[in-house]
Amino acid sequence: MTDPAVLRSLCLLVAIGLVLLLWRRPNRRLAGAALLSFLATFVGIGAANQVAMAAGWWRFEVPHGLFLGIPLDLWLGWAVLWGPIPLLVRHRLPVWVLVLSCGWLDVLLMPRLDGLVHLNHDWLYGELLALAFGLLPAVLLGRWTVDRRRLTERVLLQLITFTGLALWLLPSAVMARGDGEWGRLASDPVWRVSVILQLMALAAVPALAAMVEFAVRGGGTPYPWDPPGELVTTGPYAYVANPMQLSAVLMLGLLAIGTHSWSLAGATAGTVAFSKFVADPHERSELAARLGERWVAYDSQVRPWIVRRTPYYTGSATLYLSETCTICQQTRDLVESTKPVDLTLSPAEGCTVAGLRRALYVGPDGLQASGLAAVARGLEHSGPGWAYLGWLARLPVLRQLLQLLLDGMGGGPRQLPTVKER
């Protein structure tokens, strides 16, 4: 029987060796995609192992070097084998061949890792789970990132990956070396845990809205090696320069309260300090070099961590609402009462867009939104409180549900006369 320590080392060394062997013509985008695939696999494999161990499908039998019950070097090697390596051979093998090949190798090798892992008779359920949540998403995410395809899917998989890293793995690592525990969320009074979780959900809204804005306005993602092609200054970015970081810090702080972890609170404060004094200056310098005067003008007006009282816009937008609709008139009165900045309210009946049947928002850059999304965009001109409601109403899925509810209450599409363009 091979020494478990040797098996663990081999898993990591073989994975790294294969990467070095396959790494040809390195470039920034490929390197970024490989790192992203590794992170997605690391999170997916970790989650699959937690389920597998809880279900009794397998358990690791080593006493040292464990993180969340998994040998860390084995976890890293596993993530390299299933993350960067499939990306490096993407031109040679289809996705389904890669998935079946990795599954077949695992079925052959896992029973031979004597002394490292104990498999129960139903361990193949865990294998299928790992392939579905650890391998397949990472393979797709890596390929889509390199080829700049499937923007919506890329954003969604990035959201899952970085949520797992920031709100599960990072807190787990901090609490493993300090104080606090996840069990507090189960043992504390229900009302207290409920309040913390609801506040975390509310704190997540600016980050989610910012990700949507990156995709819609900039055609990119929050990942530094897959950024928007254009400078995004709308949505949450009209009020604060780093809405995603701000949301993440707020959620980590709430999580520290929920888990009773002073260590996590300290790590959260350290994250803010690192971002402010190390990451932010570097990022701002890089953006200034890449985006030029537009970024310099934006950076002089919108700062990280400090939310503006009024939004930053470089032109005027227009919100068209019908004059012959009671709900539209009430909506117009509401928006006017918020004293919006750089927003003109005009009758929909005079709009030159042919076939207009809902409220319409036309942004300074020409972006159009209709129905509830138009009103939500209009509210984003009215200060951070109203803007927050607008971001919330525009979130995918929630927006469609609210629009259906509004349509059922009489706010659906209606035929409006329009004026032809001269």
Protein backbone atom coordinates (compact mmCIF):
# COMPACT_ATOMS: atom_id res chain seq x y z
CA MET A 1 0.00 0.00 0.00
CA THR A 2 1.40 3.38 -1.00
CA ASP A 3 2.03 5.91 1.74
CA PRO A 4 -0.93 8.37 1.81
CA ALA A 5 1.50 11.28 2.07
CA VAL A 6 3.13 10.17 -1.19
CA LEU A 7 -0.26 9.83 -2.89
CA ARG A 8 -1.22 13.34 -1.80
CA SER A 9 2.02 14.81 -3.09
CA LEU A 10 1.75 12.94 -6.38
CA CYS A 11 -1.77 14.23 -7.00
CA LEU A 12 -0.59 17.82 -6.76
CA LEU A 13 2.77 17.38 -8.50
CA VAL A 14 1.32 15.44 -11.44
CA ALA A 15 -1.35 18.11 -11.93
CA ILE A 16 1.20 20.93 -11.91
CA GLY A 17 3.49 18.97 -14.24
CA LEU A 18 0.70 18.47 -16.77
CA VAL A 19 -0.05 22.20 -16.75
CA LEU A 20 3.59 23.02 -17.44
CA LEU A 21 3.70 20.42 -20.20
CA LEU A 22 0.56 21.71 -21.92
CA TRP A 23 1.18 25.43 -21.43
CA ARG A 24 1.99 26.78 -24.88
CA ARG A 25 1.81 30.37 -26.13
CA PRO A 26 0.67 31.90 -22.87
CA ASN A 27 -1.39 35.09 -23.08
CA ARG A 28 -3.27 37.27 -20.62
CA ARG A 29 -6.75 36.07 -21.52
CA LEU A 30 -5.87 32.38 -21.47
CA ALA A 31 -4.07 32.78 -18.14
CA GLY A 32 -7.07 34.58 -16.67
CA ALA A 33 -9.46 31.92 -17.94
CA ALA A 34 -7.26 29.16 -16.53
CA LEU A 35 -7.25 30.81 -13.10
CA LEU A 36 -11.01 31.29 -13.26
CA SER A 37 -11.51 27.62 -14.18
CA PHE A 38 -9.32 26.60 -11.25
CA LEU A 39 -11.32 28.75 -8.83
CA ALA A 40 -14.65 27.45 -10.14
CA THR A 41 -13.44 23.86 -9.82
CA PHE A 42 -12.03 24.48 -6.35
CA VAL A 43 -15.38 25.79 -5.12
CA GLY A 44 -17.40 23.09 -6.90
CA ILE A 45 -15.26 20.21 -5.69
CA GLY A 46 -15.29 21.57 -2.15
CA ALA A 47 -19.08 21.81 -2.14
CA ALA A 48 -19.49 18.34 -3.69
CA ASN A 49 -17.16 16.83 -1.08
CA GLN A 50 -19.14 18.41 1.75
CA VAL A 51 -22.31 16.78 0.43
CA ALA A 52 -20.56 13.45 -0.20
CA MET A 53 -19.08 13.29 3.30
CA ALA A 54 -22.36 14.35 4.92
CA ALA A 55 -24.21 11.65 2.95
CA GLY A 56 -21.60 9.04 3.90
CA TRP A 57 -20.52 8.33 0.32
CA TRP A 58 -16.84 8.66 1.27
CA ARG A 59 -14.52 10.04 3.92
CA PHE A 60 -10.84 10.98 4.01
CA GLU A 61 -8.66 9.01 6.43
CA VAL A 62 -5.66 11.32 6.87
CA PRO A 63 -5.15 13.14 10.19
CA HIS A 64 -3.26 16.23 9.02
CA GLY A 65 -3.41 18.93 6.35
CA LEU A 66 -7.20 18.99 6.16
CA PHE A 67 -9.43 21.92 5.30
CA LEU A 68 -13.16 21.35 5.71
CA GLY A 69 -12.36 17.68 6.10
CA ILE A 70 -10.53 17.43 2.74
CA PRO A 71 -6.73 17.02 2.30
CA LEU A 72 -5.76 20.44 0.99
CA ASP A 73 -3.03 19.24 -1.38
CA LEU A 74 -5.40 16.65 -2.86
CA TRP A 75 -8.08 19.32 -3.23
CA LEU A 76 -5.64 21.66 -5.02
CA GLY A 77 -4.39 18.94 -7.36
CA TRP A 78 -7.94 17.84 -8.11
CA ALA A 79 -8.92 21.44 -8.97
CA VAL A 80 -5.91 21.84 -11.28
CA LEU A 81 -6.67 18.57 -13.09
CA TRP A 82 -10.30 19.53 -13.63
CA GLY A 83 -9.82 23.28 -14.12
CA PRO A 84 -6.86 24.56 -16.19
CA ILE A 85 -5.95 21.28 -17.90
CA PRO A 86 -9.28 20.77 -19.74
CA LEU A 87 -9.00 24.40 -20.86
CA LEU A 88 -5.51 23.84 -22.27
CA VAL A 89 -6.73 20.92 -24.42
CA ARG A 90 -9.99 22.61 -25.47
CA HIS A 91 -9.09 22.53 -29.18
CA ARG A 92 -8.53 18.79 -29.12
CA LEU A 93 -11.43 17.34 -27.13
CA PRO A 94 -15.16 18.14 -27.01
CA VAL A 95 -16.72 18.90 -23.64
CA TRP A 96 -18.57 15.59 -23.39
CA VAL A 97 -15.37 13.65 -24.08
CA LEU A 98 -13.55 15.56 -21.34
CA VAL A 99 -16.30 14.95 -18.79
CA LEU A 100 -16.54 11.23 -19.57
CA SER A 101 -12.74 10.86 -19.56
CA CYS A 102 -12.34 12.55 -16.18
CA GLY A 103 -15.19 10.50 -14.74
CA TRP A 104 -13.67 7.27 -16.09
CA LEU A 105 -10.24 8.10 -14.63
CA ASP A 106 -11.79 8.85 -11.25
CA VAL A 107 -13.69 5.57 -11.28
CA LEU A 108 -10.40 3.77 -11.92
CA LEU A 109 -8.22 5.71 -9.47
CA MET A 110 -10.44 6.49 -6.48
CA PRO A 111 -10.71 2.83 -5.28
CA ARG A 112 -6.90 2.59 -5.40
CA LEU A 113 -6.26 5.49 -3.02
CA ASP A 114 -5.96 3.15 -0.05
CA GLY A 115 -5.27 4.87 3.24
CA LEU A 116 -6.28 8.23 1.79
CA VAL A 117 -9.99 7.89 1.16
CA HIS A 118 -12.56 5.31 2.30
CA LEU A 119 -15.32 4.70 -0.25
CA ASN A 120 -18.74 3.35 0.63
CA HIS A 121 -20.74 1.19 -1.76
CA ASP A 122 -22.71 4.18 -3.11
CA TRP A 123 -19.72 6.49 -3.65
CA LEU A 124 -20.50 6.87 -7.35
CA TYR A 125 -23.30 9.28 -6.41
CA GLY A 126 -20.64 11.59 -5.05
CA GLU A 127 -18.60 11.16 -8.22
CA LEU A 128 -21.55 12.22 -10.38
CA LEU A 129 -22.11 15.21 -8.10
CA ALA A 130 -18.47 16.26 -8.38
CA LEU A 131 -18.55 15.98 -12.18
CA ALA A 132 -21.77 18.00 -12.39
CA PHE A 133 -20.76 20.80 -10.01
CA GLY A 134 -16.96 20.69 -10.01
CA LEU A 135 -15.93 19.79 -13.55
CA LEU A 136 -18.62 20.73 -16.06
CA PRO A 137 -19.21 24.37 -14.96
CA ALA A 138 -15.46 25.04 -14.84
CA VAL A 139 -14.87 23.58 -18.30
CA LEU A 140 -17.68 25.65 -19.80
CA LEU A 141 -16.69 28.83 -17.95
CA GLY A 142 -13.08 28.55 -19.08
CA ARG A 143 -13.98 27.98 -22.72
CA TRP A 144 -16.60 30.73 -22.80
CA THR A 145 -14.17 33.18 -21.20
CA VAL A 146 -11.40 32.51 -23.70
CA ASP A 147 -13.80 32.71 -26.65
CA ARG A 148 -15.85 35.61 -25.21
CA ARG A 149 -19.12 33.73 -25.68
CA ARG A 150 -22.24 33.23 -23.56
CA LEU A 151 -22.00 36.46 -21.59
CA THR A 152 -25.04 35.80 -19.40
CA GLU A 153 -23.83 32.32 -18.50
CA ARG A 154 -20.32 33.61 -17.78
CA VAL A 155 -21.67 36.23 -15.39
CA LEU A 156 -23.87 33.66 -13.62
CA LEU A 157 -21.05 31.14 -13.16
CA GLN A 158 -18.71 33.89 -11.96
CA LEU A 159 -21.34 34.97 -9.45
CA ILE A 160 -21.61 31.42 -8.06
CA THR A 161 -17.82 31.02 -7.95
CA PHE A 162 -17.01 34.27 -6.20
CA THR A 163 -19.95 33.96 -3.82
CA GLY A 164 -18.62 30.57 -2.78
CA LEU A 165 -15.12 31.97 -2.32
CA ALA A 166 -16.11 35.13 -0.44
CA LEU A 167 -19.00 33.90 1.69
CA TRP A 168 -18.06 30.28 2.31
CA LEU A 169 -14.39 29.37 1.82
CA LEU A 170 -12.86 32.62 3.11
CA PRO A 171 -14.99 32.70 6.30
CA SER A 172 -14.36 28.99 6.82
CA ALA A 173 -10.60 29.48 6.56
CA VAL A 174 -10.67 32.45 8.94
CA MET A 175 -12.83 30.70 11.52
CA ALA A 176 -10.69 27.54 11.31
CA ARG A 177 -7.70 29.59 12.53
CA GLY A 178 -9.64 31.87 14.87
CA ASP A 179 -13.02 31.93 16.57
CA GLY A 180 -16.64 31.60 15.47
CA GLU A 181 -18.44 28.72 13.80
CA TRP A 182 -21.13 28.07 11.20
CA GLY A 183 -23.16 26.21 13.81
CA ARG A 184 -24.08 29.52 15.40
CA LEU A 185 -26.42 30.17 12.48
CA ALA A 186 -28.34 27.04 13.45
CA SER A 187 -28.25 27.43 17.24
CA ASP A 188 -29.06 31.14 17.59
CA PRO A 189 -32.69 32.31 17.86
CA VAL A 190 -34.53 32.07 14.57
CA TRP A 191 -35.48 35.77 14.56
CA ARG A 192 -31.84 36.82 14.92
CA VAL A 193 -30.59 34.56 12.13
CA SER A 194 -33.50 35.63 9.93
CA VAL A 195 -32.68 39.32 10.37
CA ILE A 196 -29.00 38.73 9.54
CA LEU A 197 -29.80 36.71 6.41
CA GLN A 198 -32.32 39.28 5.22
CA LEU A 199 -29.84 42.10 5.73
CA MET A 200 -27.23 40.11 3.79
CA ALA A 201 -29.71 39.71 0.95
CA LEU A 202 -30.36 43.45 0.94
CA ALA A 203 -26.62 44.16 1.04
CA ALA A 204 -26.13 41.95 -2.03
CA VAL A 205 -28.40 44.09 -4.25
CA PRO A 206 -25.80 46.71 -5.31
CA ALA A 207 -23.33 43.97 -6.26
CA LEU A 208 -25.89 42.05 -8.28
CA ALA A 209 -27.08 45.22 -10.01
CA ALA A 210 -23.46 46.14 -10.78
CA MET A 211 -22.84 42.75 -12.40
CA VAL A 212 -25.94 43.20 -14.54
CA GLU A 213 -24.77 46.72 -15.47
CA PHE A 214 -21.35 45.40 -16.51
CA ALA A 215 -23.00 42.91 -18.84
CA VAL A 216 -25.72 45.21 -20.25
CA ARG A 217 -23.77 48.47 -20.55
CA GLY A 218 -20.22 47.23 -20.97
CA GLY A 219 -20.54 43.77 -22.52
CA GLY A 220 -18.21 42.25 -19.92
CA THR A 221 -17.94 40.76 -16.44
CA PRO A 222 -16.43 41.77 -13.07
CA TYR A 223 -13.49 39.41 -13.56
CA PRO A 224 -10.32 41.47 -14.23
CA TRP A 225 -9.32 39.28 -17.21
CA ASP A 226 -12.80 39.45 -18.72
CA PRO A 227 -13.73 43.12 -18.22
CA PRO A 228 -16.29 45.33 -19.99
CA GLY A 229 -15.13 46.89 -23.23
CA GLU A 230 -16.61 50.25 -22.23
CA LEU A 231 -16.43 52.38 -19.09
CA VAL A 232 -19.57 51.71 -17.02
CA THR A 233 -20.75 54.75 -15.04
CA THR A 234 -24.45 53.97 -14.68
CA GLY A 235 -26.48 51.88 -12.23
CA PRO A 236 -24.67 51.53 -8.88
CA TYR A 237 -21.54 52.98 -10.51
CA ALA A 238 -23.26 56.36 -10.72
CA TYR A 239 -23.09 56.50 -6.91
CA VAL A 240 -20.00 54.56 -5.81
CA ALA A 241 -16.95 53.30 -7.68
CA ASN A 242 -16.80 49.85 -6.05
CA PRO A 243 -20.35 48.58 -5.38
CA MET A 244 -19.32 44.91 -5.51
CA GLN A 245 -16.60 45.31 -2.91
CA LEU A 246 -18.91 47.39 -0.74
CA SER A 247 -21.61 44.70 -0.86
CA ALA A 248 -19.09 41.94 -0.11
CA VAL A 249 -17.72 43.78 2.93
CA LEU A 250 -21.21 44.45 4.29
CA MET A 251 -22.15 40.78 3.88
CA LEU A 252 -18.92 39.58 5.50
CA GLY A 253 -19.51 41.93 8.43
CA LEU A 254 -23.03 40.58 8.89
CA LEU A 255 -21.70 37.04 8.59
CA ALA A 256 -19.16 37.80 11.32
CA ILE A 257 -22.05 38.82 13.57
CA GLY A 258 -24.04 35.73 12.68
CA THR A 259 -21.15 33.33 13.33
CA HIS A 260 -19.92 35.23 16.45
CA SER A 261 -16.48 35.54 14.88
CA TRP A 262 -14.16 38.36 15.89
CA SER A 263 -11.59 36.81 13.55
CA LEU A 264 -13.91 37.23 10.58
CA ALA A 265 -14.66 40.79 11.63
CA GLY A 266 -10.92 41.48 11.69
CA ALA A 267 -10.48 39.85 8.29
CA THR A 268 -13.28 42.03 6.92
CA ALA A 269 -11.55 45.16 8.18
CA GLY A 270 -8.30 43.87 6.67
CA THR A 271 -10.06 43.37 3.34
CA VAL A 272 -11.15 47.01 3.34
CA ALA A 273 -7.63 48.17 4.18
CA PHE A 274 -6.06 46.02 1.48
CA SER A 275 -8.57 47.22 -1.10
CA LYS A 276 -8.18 50.90 -0.18
CA PHE A 277 -4.40 51.10 0.11
CA VAL A 278 -3.18 48.35 -2.26
CA ALA A 279 -5.77 47.19 -4.79
CA ASP A 280 -7.58 50.49 -5.47
CA PRO A 281 -4.49 52.55 -6.43
CA HIS A 282 -3.29 49.82 -8.80
CA GLU A 283 -6.74 49.38 -10.37
CA ARG A 284 -7.25 53.11 -10.82
CA SER A 285 -3.85 53.47 -12.48
CA GLU A 286 -4.60 50.58 -14.84
CA LEU A 287 -8.05 51.96 -15.72
CA ALA A 288 -6.65 55.43 -16.35
CA ALA A 289 -4.14 53.97 -18.78
CA ARG A 290 -6.76 51.84 -20.53
CA LEU A 291 -9.77 54.18 -20.60
CA GLY A 292 -8.16 57.61 -20.64
CA GLU A 293 -9.90 60.92 -19.97
CA ARG A 294 -13.38 59.47 -19.43
CA TRP A 295 -12.08 57.43 -16.53
CA VAL A 296 -10.13 60.36 -15.09
CA ALA A 297 -13.28 62.53 -15.16
CA TYR A 298 -15.35 59.77 -13.54
CA ASP A 299 -12.70 59.00 -10.93
CA SER A 300 -12.57 62.65 -9.88
CA GLN A 301 -16.31 62.62 -9.11
CA VAL A 302 -17.15 59.10 -7.91
CA ARG A 303 -15.06 57.55 -5.16
CA PRO A 304 -14.85 54.03 -3.74
CA TRP A 305 -16.52 53.32 -0.36
CA ILE A 306 -18.27 56.73 -0.24
CA VAL A 307 -21.78 56.83 -1.73
CA ARG A 308 -22.72 60.04 -3.55
CA ARG A 309 -25.95 61.86 -2.67
CA THR A 310 -26.67 62.55 -6.34
CA PRO A 311 -25.86 60.33 -9.33
CA TYR A 312 -23.04 60.94 -11.76
CA TYR A 313 -24.27 61.26 -15.35
CA THR A 314 -22.56 62.68 -18.41
CA GLY A 315 -25.81 63.46 -20.26
CA SER A 316 -29.55 63.69 -19.86
CA ALA A 317 -31.93 60.70 -20.04
CA THR A 318 -35.64 60.71 -20.89
CA LEU A 319 -38.47 58.74 -19.31
CA TYR A 320 -41.61 58.54 -21.47
CA LEU A 321 -44.91 57.97 -19.62
CA SER A 322 -48.42 58.07 -21.05
CA GLU A 323 -50.69 61.03 -20.30
CA THR A 324 -53.81 58.94 -20.95
CA CYS A 325 -53.05 56.27 -18.33
CA THR A 326 -53.94 56.76 -14.64
CA ILE A 327 -51.18 54.46 -13.39
CA CYS A 328 -48.68 56.20 -15.67
CA GLN A 329 -49.71 59.61 -14.33
CA GLN A 330 -49.33 58.41 -10.75
CA THR A 331 -45.93 57.02 -11.63
CA ARG A 332 -44.95 60.34 -13.21
CA ASP A 333 -45.99 62.20 -10.06
CA LEU A 334 -43.94 59.82 -7.94
CA VAL A 335 -40.81 60.17 -10.06
CA GLU A 336 -41.18 63.97 -10.19
CA SER A 337 -41.50 64.11 -6.40
CA THR A 338 -38.07 62.46 -6.03
CA LYS A 339 -36.44 65.38 -7.89
CA PRO A 340 -34.43 63.29 -10.36
CA VAL A 341 -31.10 64.52 -11.73
CA ASP A 342 -30.48 64.64 -15.49
CA LEU A 343 -33.84 63.03 -16.25
CA THR A 344 -36.53 64.54 -18.47
CA LEU A 345 -40.13 63.30 -18.12
CA SER A 346 -41.99 63.39 -21.42
CA PRO A 347 -45.42 62.21 -22.67
CA ALA A 348 -45.26 58.79 -24.30
CA GLU A 349 -47.78 60.02 -26.87
CA GLY A 350 -45.10 62.34 -28.28
CA CYS A 351 -42.34 59.75 -28.40
CA THR A 352 -40.89 59.06 -31.85
CA VAL A 353 -40.41 55.34 -31.16
CA ALA A 354 -43.01 53.61 -33.34
CA GLY A 355 -45.25 51.04 -31.68
CA LEU A 356 -44.54 52.24 -28.12
CA ARG A 357 -46.85 50.35 -25.73
CA ARG A 358 -45.14 50.71 -22.36
CA ALA A 359 -43.20 53.27 -20.37
CA LEU A 360 -39.86 53.87 -22.07
CA TYR A 361 -36.48 55.01 -20.71
CA VAL A 362 -33.80 56.27 -23.09
CA GLY A 363 -30.42 56.74 -21.44
CA PRO A 364 -27.68 59.24 -22.28
CA ASP A 365 -25.88 56.51 -24.20
CA GLY A 366 -29.01 55.46 -26.11
CA LEU A 367 -29.82 52.42 -23.95
CA GLN A 368 -33.56 51.72 -23.86
CA ALA A 369 -35.64 50.01 -21.17
CA SER A 370 -39.39 49.53 -21.16
CA GLY A 371 -42.15 48.86 -18.65
CA LEU A 372 -41.13 48.44 -15.04
CA ALA A 373 -37.45 48.50 -16.02
CA ALA A 374 -37.96 51.99 -17.48
CA VAL A 375 -39.43 53.34 -14.25
CA ALA A 376 -36.66 51.62 -12.27
CA ARG A 377 -34.05 53.31 -14.47
CA GLY A 378 -35.78 56.62 -13.88
CA LEU A 379 -35.63 56.17 -10.11
CA GLU A 380 -31.87 55.66 -10.37
CA HIS A 381 -31.62 59.41 -11.08
CA SER A 382 -33.24 60.27 -7.72
CA GLY A 383 -30.64 59.65 -5.02
CA PRO A 384 -29.24 56.46 -3.46
CA GLY A 385 -32.42 55.41 -1.64
CA TRP A 386 -34.67 55.52 -4.69
CA ALA A 387 -31.85 54.18 -6.85
CA TYR A 388 -31.59 51.13 -4.57
CA LEU A 389 -35.27 50.38 -5.21
CA GLY A 390 -34.58 50.72 -8.93
CA TRP A 391 -31.66 48.29 -8.78
CA LEU A 392 -33.76 45.82 -6.83
CA ALA A 393 -36.67 46.05 -9.27
CA ARG A 394 -34.35 45.49 -12.25
CA LEU A 395 -32.73 42.29 -10.98
CA PRO A 396 -33.27 39.35 -13.34
CA VAL A 397 -36.20 37.06 -12.46
CA LEU A 398 -37.49 39.53 -9.86
CA ARG A 399 -38.10 42.11 -12.61
CA GLN A 400 -40.08 39.63 -14.69
CA LEU A 401 -42.17 38.59 -11.69
CA LEU A 402 -42.90 42.20 -10.72
CA GLN A 403 -43.78 43.04 -14.32
CA LEU A 404 -46.29 40.17 -14.41
CA LEU A 405 -47.82 41.39 -11.16
CA LEU A 406 -47.99 44.95 -12.48
CA ASP A 407 -49.57 43.80 -15.74
CA GLY A 408 -52.23 41.95 -13.77
CA MET A 409 -53.05 45.15 -11.86
CA GLY A 410 -53.69 47.11 -15.05
CA GLY A 411 -50.19 48.35 -15.79
CA GLY A 412 -49.68 46.20 -18.86
CA PRO A 413 -48.97 47.30 -22.44
CA ARG A 414 -51.44 49.62 -24.13
CA GLN A 415 -51.76 51.08 -27.59
CA LEU A 416 -50.51 54.68 -27.63
CA PRO A 417 -50.48 57.17 -30.51
CA THR A 418 -47.01 58.21 -31.59
CA VAL A 419 -45.58 61.03 -33.64
CA LYS A 420 -43.61 60.02 -36.71
CA GLU A 421 -40.06 61.21 -36.99
CA ARG A 422 -39.72 64.25 -39.20
